[in-house]
Structure formats: C-alpha cells, structure tokens
Amino acid sequence: MSAPGLPGEGERPVFEEPWQAQAFALAVQLQAAGAFSWAEWTDALAHELARPDRGGAGYYERWVAALEGLVASRGLAPLDEIERRKADWAAAYRRTPHGSPVVLA
C-alpha cells in the first residue's frame, strides 16, 4: 500500500523518464553522503534555472547541469572527465540497437 498524497499518485508520473529519477536519486544520495549541503544544492539548482534557456533544456536537464557543476566544484570528478563520460555514453547509445541495453565499450 502506498502512502496517501504522494505526488503523481493516480496522476501523471513524477518523472517522465527513468534518467530523471536517477538524477534526482544521485543528488539526494550525494547530499546525504556529505558531498554538499542541501542549501548548496538548492543554490546551484536555482542558479542553473535562472540562466537563459539553453536550447530547450528542460527542468531535469538543468538539474543534471547543476549536479555536474557541484560534482566538479567539489573535486569529485573533473569537468573534462564528466564531459568525456557523457560523450562516451552518447556514442554508446547511438550504436546500440533499439531495445538492447546500452553498454560502454
């Protein structure tokens, strides 16, 4: 039995795509692990949301951008490494047949 009044219950899902839920969970877990405070997170997200539209970036694309910025600024991963991994995933996605799991080479 689910808790009453949860967002999306009986309505549209809270997340439109699985990656959005994963990005949300990652931010929550990094905060819980002490990588940054919740206030730092909300400041980073607010800053990202206040930026001019970046080619149709939606809410969770901006969520990821804020998360990437915090991860880089905290020294958890250098920004160039984050960009390289994103490019690796994009290439893997493009070469993966529809319906198959995406695997990094």
N, C-alpha and C. Protein backbone atom coordinates (compact mmCIF):
# COMPACT_ATOMS: atom_id res chain seq x y z
N MET A 1 0.85 -1.18 0.00
CA MET A 1 0.00 0.00 0.00
C MET A 1 0.89 1.24 0.00
N SER A 2 0.56 2.21 -0.84
CA SER A 2 1.38 3.42 -0.93
C SER A 2 0.88 4.47 0.06
N ALA A 3 1.76 5.39 0.40
CA ALA A 3 1.40 6.47 1.30
C ALA A 3 0.42 7.41 0.61
N PRO A 4 -0.56 7.93 1.32
CA PRO A 4 -1.53 8.82 0.69
C PRO A 4 -0.90 10.16 0.32
N GLY A 5 -1.39 10.72 -0.78
CA GLY A 5 -1.00 12.08 -1.14
C GLY A 5 0.37 12.21 -1.79
N LEU A 6 0.98 11.11 -2.22
CA LEU A 6 2.26 11.23 -2.89
C LEU A 6 2.09 11.87 -4.26
N PRO A 7 3.04 12.72 -4.68
CA PRO A 7 2.92 13.34 -6.00
C PRO A 7 2.86 12.28 -7.08
N GLY A 8 2.00 12.49 -8.04
CA GLY A 8 1.87 11.58 -9.15
C GLY A 8 0.93 10.41 -8.90
N GLU A 9 0.51 10.24 -7.67
CA GLU A 9 -0.37 9.12 -7.34
C GLU A 9 -1.71 9.31 -8.02
N GLY A 10 -2.05 8.39 -8.92
CA GLY A 10 -3.30 8.48 -9.65
C GLY A 10 -3.28 9.56 -10.72
N GLU A 11 -2.14 10.17 -10.92
CA GLU A 11 -2.00 11.23 -11.92
C GLU A 11 -0.84 10.88 -12.84
N ARG A 12 -0.32 11.89 -13.48
CA ARG A 12 0.87 11.76 -14.30
C ARG A 12 2.05 11.38 -13.42
N PRO A 13 2.98 10.54 -13.89
CA PRO A 13 4.14 10.17 -13.07
C PRO A 13 4.97 11.39 -12.68
N VAL A 14 5.66 11.29 -11.56
CA VAL A 14 6.52 12.37 -11.10
C VAL A 14 7.66 12.58 -12.09
N PHE A 15 8.23 11.50 -12.59
CA PHE A 15 9.32 11.57 -13.55
C PHE A 15 8.83 11.04 -14.89
N GLU A 16 9.18 11.73 -15.95
CA GLU A 16 8.77 11.30 -17.28
C GLU A 16 9.68 10.21 -17.85
N GLU A 17 10.92 10.19 -17.41
CA GLU A 17 11.91 9.24 -17.91
C GLU A 17 12.69 8.66 -16.73
N PRO A 18 13.18 7.42 -16.84
CA PRO A 18 13.96 6.83 -15.76
C PRO A 18 15.21 7.64 -15.39
N TRP A 19 15.87 8.25 -16.38
CA TRP A 19 17.09 9.01 -16.08
C TRP A 19 16.81 10.19 -15.15
N GLN A 20 15.60 10.73 -15.22
CA GLN A 20 15.24 11.84 -14.33
C GLN A 20 15.20 11.38 -12.88
N ALA A 21 14.62 10.22 -12.65
CA ALA A 21 14.58 9.66 -11.30
C ALA A 21 15.99 9.34 -10.82
N GLN A 22 16.84 8.85 -11.72
CA GLN A 22 18.22 8.53 -11.37
C GLN A 22 18.99 9.79 -11.01
N ALA A 23 18.79 10.87 -11.76
CA ALA A 23 19.46 12.14 -11.46
C ALA A 23 19.00 12.67 -10.10
N PHE A 24 17.71 12.58 -9.85
CA PHE A 24 17.17 13.01 -8.57
C PHE A 24 17.80 12.20 -7.44
N ALA A 25 17.81 10.87 -7.60
CA ALA A 25 18.36 9.99 -6.56
C ALA A 25 19.85 10.26 -6.34
N LEU A 26 20.57 10.52 -7.40
CA LEU A 26 22.00 10.80 -7.28
C LEU A 26 22.25 12.07 -6.46
N ALA A 27 21.48 13.12 -6.74
CA ALA A 27 21.63 14.36 -5.98
C ALA A 27 21.31 14.13 -4.51
N VAL A 28 20.25 13.40 -4.23
CA VAL A 28 19.87 13.12 -2.84
C VAL A 28 20.96 12.30 -2.16
N GLN A 29 21.47 11.29 -2.83
CA GLN A 29 22.49 10.42 -2.23
C GLN A 29 23.80 11.18 -2.00
N LEU A 30 24.22 12.00 -2.95
CA LEU A 30 25.45 12.78 -2.77
C LEU A 30 25.32 13.76 -1.60
N GLN A 31 24.14 14.36 -1.47
CA GLN A 31 23.90 15.26 -0.34
C GLN A 31 23.94 14.47 0.97
N ALA A 32 23.30 13.33 1.00
CA ALA A 32 23.28 12.50 2.21
C ALA A 32 24.69 12.02 2.58
N ALA A 33 25.53 11.83 1.58
CA ALA A 33 26.90 11.37 1.83
C ALA A 33 27.82 12.53 2.22
N GLY A 34 27.31 13.75 2.21
CA GLY A 34 28.10 14.90 2.64
C GLY A 34 28.89 15.58 1.54
N ALA A 35 28.62 15.25 0.28
CA ALA A 35 29.33 15.89 -0.82
C ALA A 35 29.01 17.38 -0.91
N PHE A 36 27.80 17.75 -0.50
CA PHE A 36 27.37 19.14 -0.45
C PHE A 36 26.14 19.21 0.44
N SER A 37 25.85 20.39 0.92
CA SER A 37 24.67 20.56 1.77
C SER A 37 23.44 20.75 0.89
N TRP A 38 22.27 20.59 1.49
CA TRP A 38 21.05 20.79 0.73
C TRP A 38 20.93 22.25 0.31
N ALA A 39 21.39 23.17 1.15
CA ALA A 39 21.37 24.60 0.80
C ALA A 39 22.27 24.86 -0.41
N GLU A 40 23.45 24.22 -0.43
CA GLU A 40 24.34 24.36 -1.59
C GLU A 40 23.67 23.81 -2.85
N TRP A 41 22.98 22.69 -2.70
CA TRP A 41 22.29 22.10 -3.83
C TRP A 41 21.20 23.03 -4.36
N THR A 42 20.37 23.55 -3.47
CA THR A 42 19.28 24.41 -3.93
C THR A 42 19.82 25.69 -4.55
N ASP A 43 20.92 26.22 -4.02
CA ASP A 43 21.54 27.40 -4.63
C ASP A 43 22.04 27.09 -6.04
N ALA A 44 22.70 25.94 -6.20
CA ALA A 44 23.22 25.55 -7.52
C ALA A 44 22.08 25.35 -8.51
N LEU A 45 21.01 24.70 -8.07
CA LEU A 45 19.88 24.47 -8.96
C LEU A 45 19.19 25.78 -9.30
N ALA A 46 19.00 26.65 -8.32
CA ALA A 46 18.37 27.95 -8.58
C ALA A 46 19.20 28.76 -9.58
N HIS A 47 20.52 28.72 -9.43
CA HIS A 47 21.40 29.43 -10.36
C HIS A 47 21.23 28.87 -11.78
N GLU A 48 21.19 27.56 -11.90
CA GLU A 48 21.05 26.92 -13.21
C GLU A 48 19.68 27.25 -13.83
N LEU A 49 18.64 27.24 -13.01
CA LEU A 49 17.29 27.54 -13.52
C LEU A 49 17.14 29.00 -13.92
N ALA A 50 17.93 29.89 -13.32
CA ALA A 50 17.85 31.32 -13.63
C ALA A 50 18.61 31.67 -14.92
N ARG A 51 19.46 30.77 -15.38
CA ARG A 51 20.21 31.04 -16.61
C ARG A 51 19.26 31.08 -17.81
N PRO A 52 19.64 31.83 -18.84
CA PRO A 52 18.80 31.84 -20.05
C PRO A 52 18.65 30.43 -20.61
N ASP A 53 17.54 30.21 -21.30
CA ASP A 53 17.26 28.91 -21.90
C ASP A 53 18.44 28.47 -22.76
N ARG A 54 18.84 27.23 -22.58
CA ARG A 54 19.98 26.69 -23.32
C ARG A 54 19.49 25.68 -24.35
N GLY A 55 18.84 26.19 -25.38
CA GLY A 55 18.41 25.32 -26.46
C GLY A 55 17.32 24.34 -26.07
N GLY A 56 16.38 24.78 -25.26
CA GLY A 56 15.26 23.92 -24.90
C GLY A 56 15.53 22.98 -23.75
N ALA A 57 16.56 23.25 -22.97
CA ALA A 57 16.85 22.38 -21.82
C ALA A 57 15.67 22.42 -20.85
N GLY A 58 15.19 21.25 -20.48
CA GLY A 58 14.09 21.15 -19.54
C GLY A 58 14.58 21.19 -18.11
N TYR A 59 13.64 21.04 -17.21
CA TYR A 59 13.94 21.11 -15.78
C TYR A 59 15.02 20.11 -15.37
N TYR A 60 14.87 18.85 -15.77
CA TYR A 60 15.84 17.86 -15.31
C TYR A 60 17.17 17.94 -16.06
N GLU A 61 17.20 18.48 -17.28
CA GLU A 61 18.48 18.76 -17.92
C GLU A 61 19.25 19.81 -17.11
N ARG A 62 18.52 20.79 -16.61
CA ARG A 62 19.15 21.82 -15.77
C ARG A 62 19.54 21.24 -14.40
N TRP A 63 18.74 20.32 -13.91
CA TRP A 63 19.06 19.60 -12.67
C TRP A 63 20.41 18.91 -12.82
N VAL A 64 20.59 18.21 -13.94
CA VAL A 64 21.85 17.49 -14.20
C VAL A 64 23.00 18.49 -14.34
N ALA A 65 22.77 19.62 -15.03
CA ALA A 65 23.82 20.62 -15.17
C ALA A 65 24.26 21.16 -13.81
N ALA A 66 23.29 21.40 -12.93
CA ALA A 66 23.63 21.87 -11.58
C ALA A 66 24.41 20.80 -10.82
N LEU A 67 24.00 19.56 -10.96
CA LEU A 67 24.69 18.46 -10.29
C LEU A 67 26.11 18.31 -10.82
N GLU A 68 26.29 18.40 -12.13
CA GLU A 68 27.62 18.31 -12.72
C GLU A 68 28.52 19.43 -12.19
N GLY A 69 27.97 20.64 -12.10
CA GLY A 69 28.75 21.76 -11.60
C GLY A 69 29.18 21.55 -10.16
N LEU A 70 28.29 21.06 -9.32
CA LEU A 70 28.65 20.79 -7.92
C LEU A 70 29.68 19.68 -7.81
N VAL A 71 29.50 18.62 -8.58
CA VAL A 71 30.45 17.50 -8.55
C VAL A 71 31.84 17.98 -8.95
N ALA A 72 31.91 18.80 -9.99
CA ALA A 72 33.20 19.33 -10.44
C ALA A 72 33.79 20.30 -9.41
N SER A 73 32.97 21.19 -8.88
CA SER A 73 33.49 22.18 -7.93
C SER A 73 33.94 21.56 -6.62
N ARG A 74 33.38 20.40 -6.27
CA ARG A 74 33.78 19.71 -5.04
C ARG A 74 34.95 18.77 -5.27
N GLY A 75 35.41 18.68 -6.50
CA GLY A 75 36.55 17.82 -6.81
C GLY A 75 36.20 16.34 -6.84
N LEU A 76 34.91 16.02 -6.95
CA LEU A 76 34.51 14.61 -7.02
C LEU A 76 34.83 14.02 -8.38
N ALA A 77 34.79 14.85 -9.40
CA ALA A 77 35.16 14.45 -10.76
C ALA A 77 35.46 15.73 -11.54
N PRO A 78 36.56 15.75 -12.28
CA PRO A 78 36.86 16.95 -13.07
C PRO A 78 35.85 17.13 -14.19
N LEU A 79 35.54 18.37 -14.52
CA LEU A 79 34.56 18.66 -15.54
C LEU A 79 34.91 18.02 -16.88
N ASP A 80 36.19 17.99 -17.25
CA ASP A 80 36.56 17.37 -18.52
C ASP A 80 36.28 15.87 -18.51
N GLU A 81 36.41 15.23 -17.35
CA GLU A 81 36.09 13.80 -17.23
C GLU A 81 34.57 13.59 -17.35
N ILE A 82 33.81 14.47 -16.75
CA ILE A 82 32.35 14.39 -16.86
C ILE A 82 31.95 14.52 -18.32
N GLU A 83 32.51 15.49 -19.02
CA GLU A 83 32.19 15.68 -20.44
C GLU A 83 32.61 14.48 -21.28
N ARG A 84 33.76 13.90 -20.99
CA ARG A 84 34.22 12.72 -21.72
C ARG A 84 33.28 11.55 -21.52
N ARG A 85 32.85 11.34 -20.28
CA ARG A 85 31.93 10.23 -20.00
C ARG A 85 30.58 10.44 -20.67
N LYS A 86 30.10 11.68 -20.70
CA LYS A 86 28.85 11.97 -21.39
C LYS A 86 28.97 11.65 -22.87
N ALA A 87 30.11 12.02 -23.47
CA ALA A 87 30.33 11.72 -24.89
C ALA A 87 30.41 10.22 -25.11
N ASP A 88 31.05 9.49 -24.20
CA ASP A 88 31.13 8.03 -24.31
C ASP A 88 29.73 7.40 -24.27
N TRP A 89 28.89 7.87 -23.35
CA TRP A 89 27.54 7.34 -23.24
C TRP A 89 26.72 7.67 -24.48
N ALA A 90 26.87 8.90 -25.00
CA ALA A 90 26.12 9.29 -26.20
C ALA A 90 26.52 8.41 -27.38
N ALA A 91 27.82 8.15 -27.53
CA ALA A 91 28.30 7.29 -28.63
C ALA A 91 27.77 5.87 -28.46
N ALA A 92 27.80 5.38 -27.23
CA ALA A 92 27.29 4.02 -26.97
C ALA A 92 25.81 3.94 -27.27
N TYR A 93 25.06 4.96 -26.92
CA TYR A 93 23.62 4.99 -27.18
C TYR A 93 23.35 4.95 -28.68
N ARG A 94 24.11 5.75 -29.44
CA ARG A 94 23.89 5.82 -30.88
C ARG A 94 24.19 4.50 -31.58
N ARG A 95 25.13 3.72 -31.08
CA ARG A 95 25.48 2.47 -31.75
C ARG A 95 24.70 1.26 -31.22
N THR A 96 23.86 1.46 -30.23
CA THR A 96 23.10 0.36 -29.64
C THR A 96 21.79 0.16 -30.38
N PRO A 97 21.51 -1.07 -30.81
CA PRO A 97 20.23 -1.33 -31.47
C PRO A 97 19.06 -1.06 -30.51
N HIS A 98 17.96 -0.61 -31.09
CA HIS A 98 16.76 -0.31 -30.31
C HIS A 98 16.36 -1.54 -29.48
N GLY A 99 16.07 -1.30 -28.20
CA GLY A 99 15.63 -2.38 -27.32
C GLY A 99 16.73 -3.11 -26.61
N SER A 100 17.97 -2.85 -27.00
CA SER A 100 19.11 -3.50 -26.35
C SER A 100 19.66 -2.59 -25.26
N PRO A 101 20.28 -3.17 -24.23
CA PRO A 101 20.89 -2.33 -23.19
C PRO A 101 22.09 -1.57 -23.75
N VAL A 102 22.25 -0.35 -23.31
CA VAL A 102 23.40 0.46 -23.71
C VAL A 102 24.60 0.02 -22.88
N VAL A 103 25.69 -0.30 -23.57
CA VAL A 103 26.91 -0.77 -22.90
C VAL A 103 28.07 0.09 -23.36
N LEU A 104 28.84 0.58 -22.42
CA LEU A 104 30.05 1.33 -22.77
C LEU A 104 31.11 0.35 -23.26
N ALA A 105 31.82 0.75 -24.32
CA ALA A 105 32.88 -0.12 -24.87
C ALA A 105 34.11 -0.06 -23.99
